[in-house]
């Protein structure tokens, strides 16, 4: 706790800006799949493909974001401003979406903007903290994410319940990115003092990072984690709406109950974020990630239970999303901290860009995979058991990573 009080004030400003932008994201995150399937009339597979398409542009955004973050001409601040501007444009497009091509365009823009954001913001956090502070610093930014998302989900659910106007959610999201842009523009100066680097280092940054065996092994397990997270955001809302069979009805949970469930999921993550960071400080980063995998495995088994039981279904759903919260908060700050440990100071942007590319790849694979499972009911429930079994692959990769780190 005492380390938190010594944080640079810019860490708190970055967290506050992130909270504001995440309120808008919470408005759309869990309701967009329901809107585009049930009101626009697209299939679950097409919506999954469109959501996944954002990861394609996200790869480019993360690449350019990493380059810009390490460049004296751009740096952390200008890259963050550019990411917010592109995200605002994306929301304008999504608010006007009436067909699949426009939905893809909106997601391509949003993916590009989000892709630019992550290397810059995480590099800024590393610049402003010591290695001992980073678990808590990344936990605080994730806490801001969770608080913003939970408030956005609550307000979004209330908006839908009272007005039924899904399109306005994207307008509100665009306003939140505009506020985030203003916070960065007026309150954050460049966080890194660029020094002269040799031409060789500048040209070979990506080559050096890609030859780092420990980083490349981490990439494999990190992709697995991001596939798990994508299922919570893209597949679970539709699964709870269209596939869970409540007693005496042929439909699943209402939008109001789904809003409450995901509010619980995000709020519980916010409550647990800092305690989890403090607890996991006692262990190595690899041990913390292994613990997270076990939580995800149990959670996916509980999704299967929720979809196959005929009684106490709401209780099972609450327990499932609670465990997914714990899986998330034990993964996100540790993963960023591990990459920070591996990265040379002059290549933080590149290393964090590669770390962020895992999210692009995971979110490219996850939503279409989940959408396919929902469009093929004979596989839907078994899909969750397959996700649970995949943690054994992740644990094996982490054990190999532990040996590589020990000999660095």
Protein backbone atom coordinates (compact mmCIF):
# COMPACT_ATOMS: atom_id res chain seq x y z
CA UNK A 1 0.00 0.00 0.00
CA UNK A 2 2.81 2.46 0.89
CA UNK A 3 4.26 2.18 -2.64
CA UNK A 4 0.99 3.40 -4.14
CA UNK A 5 1.24 6.67 -2.20
CA UNK A 6 4.63 7.39 -3.80
CA UNK A 7 3.45 7.00 -7.42
CA UNK A 8 4.12 9.80 -9.88
CA UNK A 9 0.92 11.88 -10.22
CA UNK A 10 0.91 11.21 -13.99
CA UNK A 11 0.11 7.55 -13.25
CA UNK A 12 -3.10 8.73 -11.59
CA UNK A 13 -3.92 11.09 -14.46
CA UNK A 14 -3.46 8.28 -16.98
CA UNK A 15 -5.69 6.05 -14.86
CA UNK A 16 -8.35 8.78 -14.62
CA UNK A 17 -8.34 9.31 -18.37
CA UNK A 18 -8.60 5.59 -18.94
CA UNK A 19 -11.55 5.39 -16.53
CA UNK A 20 -13.42 8.06 -18.52
CA UNK A 21 -12.84 6.34 -21.86
CA UNK A 22 -13.80 2.94 -20.44
CA UNK A 23 -17.16 4.29 -19.28
CA UNK A 24 -17.98 4.77 -22.97
CA UNK A 25 -16.57 1.37 -23.87
CA UNK A 26 -18.77 -0.22 -21.20
CA UNK A 27 -21.77 1.28 -22.97
CA UNK A 28 -21.04 -0.78 -26.09
CA UNK A 29 -18.84 -3.74 -25.15
CA UNK A 30 -21.44 -6.30 -24.09
CA UNK A 31 -24.43 -4.86 -25.95
CA UNK A 32 -22.91 -4.57 -29.45
CA UNK A 33 -23.10 -8.33 -30.24
CA UNK A 34 -26.74 -8.45 -29.09
CA UNK A 35 -27.60 -5.34 -31.15
CA UNK A 36 -25.97 -6.47 -34.37
CA UNK A 37 -27.43 -9.99 -34.16
CA UNK A 38 -30.93 -9.38 -32.80
CA UNK A 39 -31.71 -5.94 -34.29
CA UNK A 40 -29.50 -5.39 -37.33
CA UNK A 41 -30.10 -9.04 -38.31
CA UNK A 42 -26.57 -10.35 -38.86
CA UNK A 43 -25.63 -13.92 -37.95
CA UNK A 44 -23.53 -14.70 -34.89
CA UNK A 45 -20.71 -15.86 -37.17
CA UNK A 46 -20.72 -12.62 -39.21
CA UNK A 47 -20.73 -10.50 -36.07
CA UNK A 48 -17.88 -12.61 -34.68
CA UNK A 49 -15.94 -12.10 -37.92
CA UNK A 50 -16.58 -8.35 -37.82
CA UNK A 51 -15.46 -8.10 -34.19
CA UNK A 52 -12.42 -10.19 -35.02
CA UNK A 53 -11.60 -7.96 -38.02
CA UNK A 54 -10.64 -5.21 -35.60
CA UNK A 55 -7.74 -7.40 -34.57
CA UNK A 56 -6.38 -7.33 -38.14
CA UNK A 57 -6.08 -3.56 -38.12
CA UNK A 58 -5.02 -3.84 -34.48
CA UNK A 59 -1.87 -5.63 -35.62
CA UNK A 60 -0.98 -2.62 -37.77
CA UNK A 61 -1.97 -0.21 -35.02
CA UNK A 62 0.20 -1.99 -32.48
CA UNK A 63 3.13 -2.10 -34.87
CA UNK A 64 2.90 1.63 -35.60
CA UNK A 65 2.12 2.34 -31.94
CA UNK A 66 5.27 0.53 -30.86
CA UNK A 67 7.35 2.36 -33.45
CA UNK A 68 5.84 5.72 -32.51
CA UNK A 69 6.25 5.10 -28.79
CA UNK A 70 10.01 4.57 -29.19
CA UNK A 71 10.38 7.45 -31.68
CA UNK A 72 11.50 10.90 -30.45
CA UNK A 73 9.27 12.47 -33.14
CA UNK A 74 6.14 10.88 -31.68
CA UNK A 75 6.77 9.41 -28.24
CA UNK A 76 4.16 8.21 -25.80
CA UNK A 77 1.99 11.35 -25.75
CA UNK A 78 1.42 11.90 -29.49
CA UNK A 79 0.76 8.19 -29.99
CA UNK A 80 -1.93 8.28 -27.29
CA UNK A 81 -3.54 11.34 -28.90
CA UNK A 82 -3.60 9.65 -32.32
CA UNK A 83 -5.18 6.50 -30.86
CA UNK A 84 -7.98 8.54 -29.25
CA UNK A 85 -8.68 10.44 -32.49
CA UNK A 86 -9.00 7.23 -34.54
CA UNK A 87 -11.28 5.69 -31.89
CA UNK A 88 -13.60 8.71 -32.08
CA UNK A 89 -13.89 8.22 -35.86
CA UNK A 90 -14.61 4.53 -35.34
CA UNK A 91 -17.56 5.31 -33.08
CA UNK A 92 -19.00 7.67 -35.71
CA UNK A 93 -18.92 4.82 -38.24
CA UNK A 94 -20.36 2.23 -35.82
CA UNK A 95 -23.22 4.54 -34.87
CA UNK A 96 -24.25 4.57 -38.57
CA UNK A 97 -23.81 0.83 -39.22
CA UNK A 98 -26.65 -0.95 -41.01
CA UNK A 99 -24.84 -3.82 -42.76
CA UNK A 100 -21.87 -6.13 -42.54
CA UNK A 101 -19.31 -4.09 -44.61
CA UNK A 102 -19.86 -0.92 -42.52
CA UNK A 103 -19.65 -2.99 -39.32
CA UNK A 104 -16.30 -4.33 -40.50
CA UNK A 105 -15.08 -0.80 -41.34
CA UNK A 106 -16.04 0.47 -37.88
CA UNK A 107 -14.27 -2.41 -36.18
CA UNK A 108 -11.19 -1.97 -38.37
CA UNK A 109 -10.93 1.66 -37.25
CA UNK A 110 -11.58 0.81 -33.61
CA UNK A 111 -9.02 -1.98 -33.69
CA UNK A 112 -6.43 0.37 -35.19
CA UNK A 113 -7.05 3.02 -32.53
CA UNK A 114 -6.96 0.57 -29.65
CA UNK A 115 -3.86 -1.05 -31.13
CA UNK A 116 -1.97 2.24 -31.03
CA UNK A 117 -3.07 2.88 -27.46
CA UNK A 118 -1.64 -0.10 -25.58
CA UNK A 119 2.13 0.11 -26.31
CA UNK A 120 2.11 3.84 -25.56
CA UNK A 121 0.17 3.73 -22.29
CA UNK A 122 2.06 0.75 -20.88
CA UNK A 123 5.41 2.26 -21.84
CA UNK A 124 4.35 5.46 -20.04
CA UNK A 125 3.48 3.49 -16.90
CA UNK A 126 6.90 1.78 -16.99
CA UNK A 127 8.62 5.17 -17.45
CA UNK A 128 6.88 6.53 -14.36
CA UNK A 129 7.45 3.61 -11.97
CA UNK A 130 10.17 1.42 -10.49
CA UNK A 131 10.18 -2.36 -11.06
CA UNK A 132 8.88 -2.88 -7.51
CA UNK A 133 5.91 -0.57 -8.16
CA UNK A 134 4.79 -2.04 -11.47
CA UNK A 135 2.44 -4.79 -10.31
CA UNK A 136 0.48 -2.19 -8.35
CA UNK A 137 0.77 0.46 -11.10
CA UNK A 138 -0.58 -1.85 -13.78
CA UNK A 139 -3.22 -3.02 -11.30
CA UNK A 140 -4.35 0.58 -10.77
CA UNK A 141 -4.74 1.20 -14.51
CA UNK A 142 -6.68 -2.06 -14.80
CA UNK A 143 -8.74 -0.99 -11.80
CA UNK A 144 -9.59 2.21 -13.67
CA UNK A 145 -10.57 0.03 -16.65
CA UNK A 146 -12.82 -2.11 -14.48
CA UNK A 147 -14.47 0.79 -12.67
CA UNK A 148 -15.12 2.59 -15.94
CA UNK A 149 -16.46 -0.53 -17.62
CA UNK A 150 -18.72 -1.40 -14.69
CA UNK A 151 -20.19 2.09 -14.61
CA UNK A 152 -20.59 2.03 -18.39
CA UNK A 153 -22.32 -1.36 -18.34
CA UNK A 154 -24.75 -0.17 -15.65
CA UNK A 155 -25.52 3.06 -17.47
CA UNK A 156 -25.71 1.27 -20.82
CA UNK A 157 -28.14 -1.31 -19.43
CA UNK A 158 -30.28 1.44 -17.94
CA UNK A 159 -30.22 3.31 -21.26
CA UNK A 160 -31.31 0.23 -23.23
CA UNK A 161 -34.02 -0.63 -20.70
CA UNK A 162 -35.49 2.89 -20.91
CA UNK A 163 -34.96 3.84 -24.54
CA UNK A 164 -34.02 0.71 -26.50
CA UNK A 165 -31.74 2.94 -28.60
CA UNK A 166 -28.55 0.93 -29.12
CA UNK A 167 -27.05 3.34 -31.66
CA UNK A 168 -26.80 6.15 -29.13
CA UNK A 169 -24.39 3.97 -27.15
CA UNK A 170 -21.74 4.46 -29.83
CA UNK A 171 -22.24 8.23 -29.74
CA UNK A 172 -21.66 8.22 -25.98
CA UNK A 173 -18.56 6.05 -26.45
CA UNK A 174 -17.21 8.62 -28.95
CA UNK A 175 -17.78 11.41 -26.41
CA UNK A 176 -15.82 9.47 -23.79
CA UNK A 177 -12.85 9.12 -26.17
CA UNK A 178 -13.05 12.86 -26.82
CA UNK A 179 -12.73 13.50 -23.08
CA UNK A 180 -9.79 11.07 -22.93
CA UNK A 181 -8.13 12.99 -25.79
CA UNK A 182 -8.54 16.24 -23.83
CA UNK A 183 -7.06 14.72 -20.65
CA UNK A 184 -3.93 13.56 -22.50
CA UNK A 185 -3.60 16.83 -24.45
CA UNK A 186 -3.86 19.17 -21.46
CA UNK A 187 -2.56 17.10 -18.51
CA UNK A 188 0.16 14.72 -19.75
CA UNK A 189 3.61 15.73 -20.99
CA UNK A 190 5.95 13.27 -22.65
CA UNK A 191 7.00 10.69 -20.03
CA UNK A 192 10.28 9.49 -21.59
CA UNK A 193 13.46 11.48 -22.04
CA UNK A 194 14.75 10.23 -25.36
CA UNK A 195 18.47 9.72 -25.68
CA UNK A 196 20.48 9.32 -28.84
CA UNK A 197 20.39 5.74 -29.99
CA UNK A 198 22.66 4.09 -32.49
CA UNK A 199 21.26 3.57 -35.97
CA UNK A 200 21.76 -0.15 -35.56
CA UNK A 201 19.60 -0.25 -32.44
CA UNK A 202 16.82 1.72 -34.12
CA UNK A 203 16.80 -0.47 -37.22
CA UNK A 204 17.13 -3.79 -35.42
CA UNK A 205 14.71 -3.24 -32.54
CA UNK A 206 12.06 -5.55 -33.93
CA UNK A 207 14.68 -8.09 -34.99
CA UNK A 208 16.20 -8.12 -31.51
CA UNK A 209 12.82 -8.53 -29.87
CA UNK A 210 11.75 -11.33 -32.20
CA UNK A 211 14.99 -13.20 -31.42
CA UNK A 212 14.29 -13.03 -27.68
CA UNK A 213 13.27 -16.63 -27.02
CA UNK A 214 11.69 -15.93 -23.64
CA UNK A 215 9.51 -13.19 -25.17
CA UNK A 216 8.44 -15.43 -28.04
CA UNK A 217 7.48 -18.27 -25.68
CA UNK A 218 5.49 -15.82 -23.59
CA UNK A 219 3.68 -14.70 -26.75
CA UNK A 220 2.28 -18.22 -27.17
CA UNK A 221 0.67 -18.38 -23.74
CA UNK A 222 -0.38 -14.73 -23.90
CA UNK A 223 -2.41 -15.43 -27.05
CA UNK A 224 -4.19 -18.20 -25.16
CA UNK A 225 -5.10 -15.79 -22.35
CA UNK A 226 -6.47 -13.21 -24.79
CA UNK A 227 -8.60 -15.83 -26.53
CA UNK A 228 -10.13 -16.55 -23.12
CA UNK A 229 -10.82 -12.86 -22.50
CA UNK A 230 -12.41 -12.46 -25.93
CA UNK A 231 -14.93 -15.20 -25.10
CA UNK A 232 -16.15 -13.22 -22.08
CA UNK A 233 -16.74 -10.10 -24.15
CA UNK A 234 -17.98 -11.46 -27.48
CA UNK A 235 -19.41 -14.95 -26.89
CA UNK A 236 -20.73 -14.99 -23.33
CA UNK A 237 -23.38 -12.23 -23.77
CA UNK A 238 -24.97 -14.04 -26.73
CA UNK A 239 -24.64 -17.41 -25.00
CA UNK A 240 -26.47 -16.13 -21.92
CA UNK A 241 -29.13 -14.44 -24.08
CA UNK A 242 -29.84 -17.12 -26.68
CA UNK A 243 -28.62 -20.49 -25.35
CA UNK A 244 -29.13 -20.70 -21.59
CA UNK A 245 -32.53 -22.32 -21.03
CA UNK A 246 -34.41 -20.83 -18.10
CA UNK A 247 -37.23 -22.85 -16.47
CA UNK A 248 -40.66 -22.37 -18.07
CA UNK A 249 -39.28 -20.33 -20.95
CA UNK A 250 -37.58 -20.95 -24.28
CA UNK A 251 -35.31 -17.92 -23.99
CA UNK A 252 -32.23 -17.07 -21.97
CA UNK A 253 -31.55 -14.14 -19.69
CA UNK A 254 -33.01 -10.71 -20.45
CA UNK A 255 -30.79 -7.76 -21.33
CA UNK A 256 -31.44 -6.40 -17.83
CA UNK A 257 -30.14 -9.56 -16.15
CA UNK A 258 -27.19 -9.77 -18.57
CA UNK A 259 -26.35 -6.17 -17.70
CA UNK A 260 -26.44 -7.08 -14.01
CA UNK A 261 -24.25 -10.14 -14.54
CA UNK A 262 -21.54 -8.26 -16.41
CA UNK A 263 -21.74 -5.38 -13.97
CA UNK A 264 -21.04 -7.95 -11.24
CA UNK A 265 -18.20 -9.41 -13.33
CA UNK A 266 -16.48 -6.05 -13.81
CA UNK A 267 -17.22 -4.69 -10.32
CA UNK A 268 -15.87 -7.84 -8.68
CA UNK A 269 -12.74 -7.53 -10.84
CA UNK A 270 -12.33 -3.95 -9.64
CA UNK A 271 -12.67 -5.00 -5.99
CA UNK A 272 -10.12 -7.79 -6.39
CA UNK A 273 -7.59 -5.98 -8.62
CA UNK A 274 -5.30 -4.46 -5.99
CA UNK A 275 -5.60 -7.29 -3.42
CA UNK A 276 -4.68 -9.75 -6.17
CA UNK A 277 -1.63 -7.66 -7.12
CA UNK A 278 -0.47 -7.51 -3.49
CA UNK A 279 -0.98 -11.25 -3.01
CA UNK A 280 0.84 -12.18 -6.22
CA UNK A 281 3.82 -9.98 -5.35
CA UNK A 282 4.93 -12.89 -3.15
CA UNK A 283 5.32 -15.16 -6.18
CA UNK A 284 7.15 -15.11 -9.48
CA UNK A 285 5.30 -13.76 -12.52
CA UNK A 286 5.16 -17.25 -14.06
CA UNK A 287 3.60 -18.72 -10.92
CA UNK A 288 0.96 -15.98 -10.94
CA UNK A 289 0.08 -16.71 -14.57
CA UNK A 290 -0.19 -20.44 -13.82
CA UNK A 291 -2.64 -19.66 -11.04
CA UNK A 292 -4.66 -17.54 -13.47
CA UNK A 293 -4.86 -20.43 -15.94
CA UNK A 294 -6.31 -22.70 -13.26
CA UNK A 295 -9.01 -20.13 -12.51
CA UNK A 296 -9.91 -19.88 -16.20
CA UNK A 297 -10.15 -23.66 -16.50
CA UNK A 298 -12.61 -23.89 -13.60
CA UNK A 299 -14.60 -20.95 -14.98
CA UNK A 300 -15.04 -22.58 -18.40
CA UNK A 301 -16.26 -25.79 -16.77
CA UNK A 302 -18.82 -23.68 -14.91
CA UNK A 303 -20.02 -22.14 -18.21
CA UNK A 304 -20.77 -25.69 -19.36
CA UNK A 305 -22.59 -26.34 -16.06
CA UNK A 306 -24.62 -23.13 -16.50
CA UNK A 307 -25.73 -24.19 -19.99
CA UNK A 308 -26.67 -27.76 -19.02
CA UNK A 309 -28.35 -27.31 -15.63
CA UNK A 310 -32.08 -26.69 -15.29
CA UNK A 311 -32.05 -25.20 -11.79
CA UNK A 312 -30.26 -22.32 -10.01
CA UNK A 313 -28.99 -21.14 -13.40
CA UNK A 314 -28.57 -17.52 -12.32
CA UNK A 315 -26.45 -18.59 -9.35
CA UNK A 316 -24.20 -20.65 -11.62
CA UNK A 317 -23.85 -17.69 -14.00
CA UNK A 318 -22.90 -15.38 -11.11
CA UNK A 319 -20.27 -17.85 -9.89
CA UNK A 320 -18.91 -18.33 -13.41
CA UNK A 321 -18.44 -14.64 -14.11
CA UNK A 322 -16.92 -14.14 -10.65
CA UNK A 323 -14.23 -16.73 -11.41
CA UNK A 324 -13.62 -15.11 -14.80
CA UNK A 325 -13.05 -11.84 -12.93
CA UNK A 326 -10.39 -13.52 -10.79
CA UNK A 327 -8.81 -15.05 -13.88
CA UNK A 328 -8.62 -11.62 -15.48
CA UNK A 329 -7.16 -9.71 -12.51
CA UNK A 330 -4.50 -12.35 -11.90
CA UNK A 331 -3.44 -12.18 -15.56
CA UNK A 332 -3.41 -8.60 -16.86
CA UNK A 333 -0.98 -6.75 -14.53
CA UNK A 334 1.40 -9.70 -14.25
CA UNK A 335 1.63 -10.14 -18.03
CA UNK A 336 2.55 -6.47 -18.54
CA UNK A 337 5.03 -6.64 -15.66
CA UNK A 338 6.70 -9.71 -17.15
CA UNK A 339 7.20 -7.99 -20.50
CA UNK A 340 8.58 -4.93 -18.70
CA UNK A 341 11.13 -7.21 -16.98
CA UNK A 342 12.20 -8.68 -20.32
CA UNK A 343 12.41 -5.41 -22.29
CA UNK A 344 15.59 -3.31 -22.66
CA UNK A 345 14.84 0.32 -21.76
CA UNK A 346 15.32 1.63 -25.31
CA UNK A 347 12.98 -1.00 -26.78
CA UNK A 348 10.05 -0.83 -24.36
CA UNK A 349 7.68 0.32 -27.09
CA UNK A 350 8.63 -2.55 -29.38
CA UNK A 351 8.40 -5.19 -26.65
CA UNK A 352 5.07 -3.87 -25.43
CA UNK A 353 3.86 -3.71 -29.03
CA UNK A 354 4.61 -7.41 -29.41
CA UNK A 355 2.84 -8.05 -26.11
CA UNK A 356 -0.14 -6.08 -27.39
CA UNK A 357 -0.10 -7.99 -30.69
CA UNK A 358 -1.11 -11.04 -28.66
CA UNK A 359 -4.37 -9.27 -27.92
CA UNK A 360 -4.88 -8.60 -31.62
CA UNK A 361 -4.26 -12.25 -32.47
CA UNK A 362 -6.37 -13.56 -29.60
CA UNK A 363 -9.28 -11.29 -30.47
CA UNK A 364 -8.93 -12.27 -34.14
CA UNK A 365 -9.23 -15.96 -33.26
CA UNK A 366 -11.63 -15.81 -30.30
CA UNK A 367 -14.80 -14.04 -31.55
CA UNK A 368 -15.13 -15.96 -34.84
CA UNK A 369 -14.41 -19.23 -33.00
CA UNK A 370 -17.04 -18.44 -30.38
CA UNK A 371 -19.49 -17.28 -33.05
CA UNK A 372 -19.01 -20.55 -34.95
CA UNK A 373 -19.69 -22.52 -31.77
CA UNK A 374 -22.94 -20.59 -31.21
CA UNK A 375 -24.05 -21.14 -34.82
CA UNK A 376 -23.52 -24.90 -34.42
CA UNK A 377 -25.59 -25.88 -31.34
CA UNK A 378 -24.34 -29.47 -31.38
CA UNK A 379 -20.90 -28.14 -30.43
CA UNK A 380 -21.84 -25.14 -28.27
CA UNK A 381 -21.64 -26.66 -24.80
CA UNK A 382 -18.63 -28.83 -25.64
CA UNK A 383 -16.82 -25.71 -26.83
CA UNK A 384 -16.52 -24.56 -23.21
CA UNK A 385 -15.05 -27.89 -22.14
CA UNK A 386 -12.48 -27.55 -24.92
CA UNK A 387 -11.52 -24.13 -23.59
CA UNK A 388 -11.09 -25.63 -20.12
CA UNK A 389 -8.84 -28.43 -21.43
CA UNK A 390 -6.61 -25.92 -23.24
CA UNK A 391 -5.18 -24.63 -19.93
CA UNK A 392 -2.93 -27.70 -19.77
CA UNK A 393 -1.20 -26.47 -22.93
CA UNK A 394 -0.75 -23.07 -21.30
CA UNK A 395 0.71 -24.53 -18.11
CA UNK A 396 3.23 -26.52 -20.15
CA UNK A 397 4.33 -23.39 -22.02
CA UNK A 398 4.73 -21.48 -18.76
CA UNK A 399 6.98 -24.17 -17.30
CA UNK A 400 9.25 -23.90 -20.33
CA UNK A 401 9.22 -20.09 -20.01
CA UNK A 402 10.26 -20.39 -16.35
CA UNK A 403 13.37 -22.33 -17.38
CA UNK A 404 14.25 -19.77 -20.07
CA UNK A 405 13.96 -16.85 -17.63
CA UNK A 406 16.19 -18.66 -15.12
CA UNK A 407 19.08 -18.83 -17.63
CA UNK A 408 18.82 -15.26 -19.01
